Amino acid sequence: MLIFKGADLRPVLQEAVAGHGRVILVKDQGVYFLAELGERTDEGRQKRLAYAVGCDPDVDPFDDWWARARAELGGDDFAEFINPQEDVLARILDSEDDLQLSATATHLSFEAVPSK
């Protein structure tokens, strides 16, 4: 399972709600959430990203984050669009909780968990 710190995820969720868009769970160069219609830098990159703990290429060594992302989510890159108003994401917005992500070959499961 992967953990997204609520403190990192809440600004992304807020941006998605304010822009009337979705959030996108991405596995490519790390594992992260971003707002579909989020603010961009001058270079065109998304400004706000919320990385899973241990899967941030700017913080974690390549071999570590790559192996963790592969072990938890498989070898293929993907992007999954999610409504930020879904119950569990709405709870993250209105609490101090973190988000736990579990995956099988066919399903992604999200759960709000107390922040550590």
Protein backbone atom coordinates (compact mmCIF):
# COMPACT_ATOMS: atom_id res chain seq x y z
CA MET A 1 0.00 0.00 0.00
CA LEU A 2 1.01 3.61 -0.55
CA ILE A 3 0.34 6.65 1.64
CA PHE A 4 -0.33 10.17 0.43
CA LYS A 5 0.09 12.74 3.18
CA GLY A 6 -3.12 14.71 3.60
CA ALA A 7 -1.13 17.93 4.02
CA ASP A 8 0.31 17.42 0.51
CA LEU A 9 -2.90 16.11 -1.06
CA ARG A 10 -5.36 18.72 0.24
CA PRO A 11 -4.01 21.61 -1.92
CA VAL A 12 -4.28 19.41 -5.03
CA LEU A 13 -7.85 18.40 -4.15
CA GLN A 14 -8.78 22.03 -3.43
CA GLU A 15 -7.35 23.09 -6.78
CA ALA A 16 -9.36 20.41 -8.59
CA VAL A 17 -12.60 21.37 -6.82
CA ALA A 18 -12.04 25.10 -7.45
CA GLY A 19 -11.38 24.42 -11.15
CA HIS A 20 -14.40 22.10 -11.47
CA GLY A 21 -12.14 19.32 -12.68
CA ARG A 22 -10.95 15.92 -11.59
CA VAL A 23 -7.79 14.77 -9.86
CA ILE A 24 -5.50 12.42 -11.71
CA LEU A 25 -3.58 9.60 -10.06
CA VAL A 26 -0.43 9.10 -12.12
CA LYS A 27 2.26 6.43 -12.12
CA ASP A 28 5.19 7.41 -14.31
CA GLN A 29 8.07 9.42 -12.83
CA GLY A 30 6.90 8.53 -9.33
CA VAL A 31 3.36 8.10 -8.06
CA TYR A 32 1.36 11.28 -7.55
CA PHE A 33 -1.92 13.16 -7.74
CA LEU A 34 -2.44 16.36 -9.71
CA ALA A 35 -5.44 18.52 -10.55
CA GLU A 36 -6.72 18.00 -14.10
CA LEU A 37 -7.09 21.76 -14.61
CA GLY A 38 -4.33 22.84 -12.24
CA GLU A 39 -2.08 25.85 -12.40
CA ARG A 40 1.04 25.46 -14.51
CA THR A 41 4.55 26.87 -14.37
CA ASP A 42 5.99 29.05 -17.14
CA GLU A 43 7.50 25.84 -18.58
CA GLY A 44 4.03 24.24 -18.77
CA ARG A 45 4.52 21.78 -15.90
CA GLN A 46 1.91 21.26 -13.22
CA LYS A 47 2.66 23.37 -10.13
CA ARG A 48 1.02 21.23 -7.45
CA LEU A 49 1.76 17.53 -7.19
CA ALA A 50 1.12 15.28 -4.19
CA TYR A 51 3.55 12.34 -4.23
CA ALA A 52 3.08 9.06 -2.40
CA VAL A 53 5.48 8.64 0.49
CA GLY A 54 8.58 6.92 -0.89
CA CYS A 55 7.66 7.56 -4.55
CA ASP A 56 8.93 11.12 -5.13
CA PRO A 57 11.80 11.24 -7.65
CA ASP A 58 12.88 14.64 -6.31
CA VAL A 59 13.39 13.19 -2.81
CA ASP A 60 13.74 9.41 -3.02
CA PRO A 61 16.58 7.54 -4.77
CA PHE A 62 15.56 6.27 -8.22
CA ASP A 63 15.98 2.56 -7.43
CA ASP A 64 13.89 2.94 -4.25
CA TRP A 65 10.89 4.84 -5.66
CA TRP A 66 10.90 2.85 -8.90
CA ALA A 67 10.89 -0.50 -7.09
CA ARG A 68 8.20 0.63 -4.64
CA ALA A 69 5.94 1.98 -7.41
CA ARG A 70 6.39 -1.21 -9.43
CA ALA A 71 5.72 -3.46 -6.43
CA GLU A 72 2.55 -1.60 -5.46
CA LEU A 73 1.10 -0.69 -8.87
CA GLY A 74 2.77 -2.92 -11.46
CA GLY A 75 5.15 -2.11 -14.27
CA ASP A 76 2.96 -0.07 -16.60
CA ASP A 77 2.59 3.69 -16.40
CA PHE A 78 -0.99 4.96 -16.11
CA ALA A 79 -3.25 7.90 -15.31
CA GLU A 80 -6.57 7.39 -13.52
CA PHE A 81 -9.08 10.28 -13.45
CA ILE A 82 -11.06 10.58 -10.21
CA ASN A 83 -13.81 12.91 -9.03
CA PRO A 84 -12.38 14.89 -6.08
CA GLN A 85 -15.87 14.88 -4.51
CA GLU A 86 -15.75 11.08 -4.03
CA ASP A 87 -16.48 10.24 -0.40
CA VAL A 88 -12.95 9.31 0.64
CA LEU A 89 -11.35 12.30 -1.10
CA ALA A 90 -13.98 14.66 0.36
CA ARG A 91 -13.06 13.28 3.78
CA ILE A 92 -9.39 14.05 3.16
CA LEU A 93 -10.38 17.61 2.24
CA ASP A 94 -12.28 18.08 5.49
CA SER A 95 -9.93 16.32 7.93
CA GLU A 96 -6.33 15.87 8.94
CA ASP A 97 -6.28 12.31 7.57
CA ASP A 98 -3.89 10.80 5.04
CA LEU A 99 -4.94 8.71 2.04
CA GLN A 100 -3.97 5.06 1.76
CA LEU A 101 -3.91 3.47 -1.69
CA SER A 102 -4.07 -0.29 -2.19
CA ALA A 103 -4.13 -1.99 -5.57
CA THR A 104 -4.88 -5.33 -7.14
CA ALA A 105 -4.50 -6.27 -10.79
CA THR A 106 -7.96 -4.85 -11.50
CA HIS A 107 -8.87 -2.39 -8.71
CA LEU A 108 -7.59 0.64 -6.87
CA SER A 109 -8.86 1.10 -3.31
CA PHE A 110 -8.62 4.30 -1.29
CA GLU A 111 -9.01 4.69 2.45
CA ALA A 112 -8.70 7.68 4.76
CA VAL A 113 -6.33 6.85 7.62
CA PRO A 114 -5.20 8.90 10.63
CA SER A 115 -2.12 10.97 9.90
CA LYS A 116 1.07 9.79 11.61
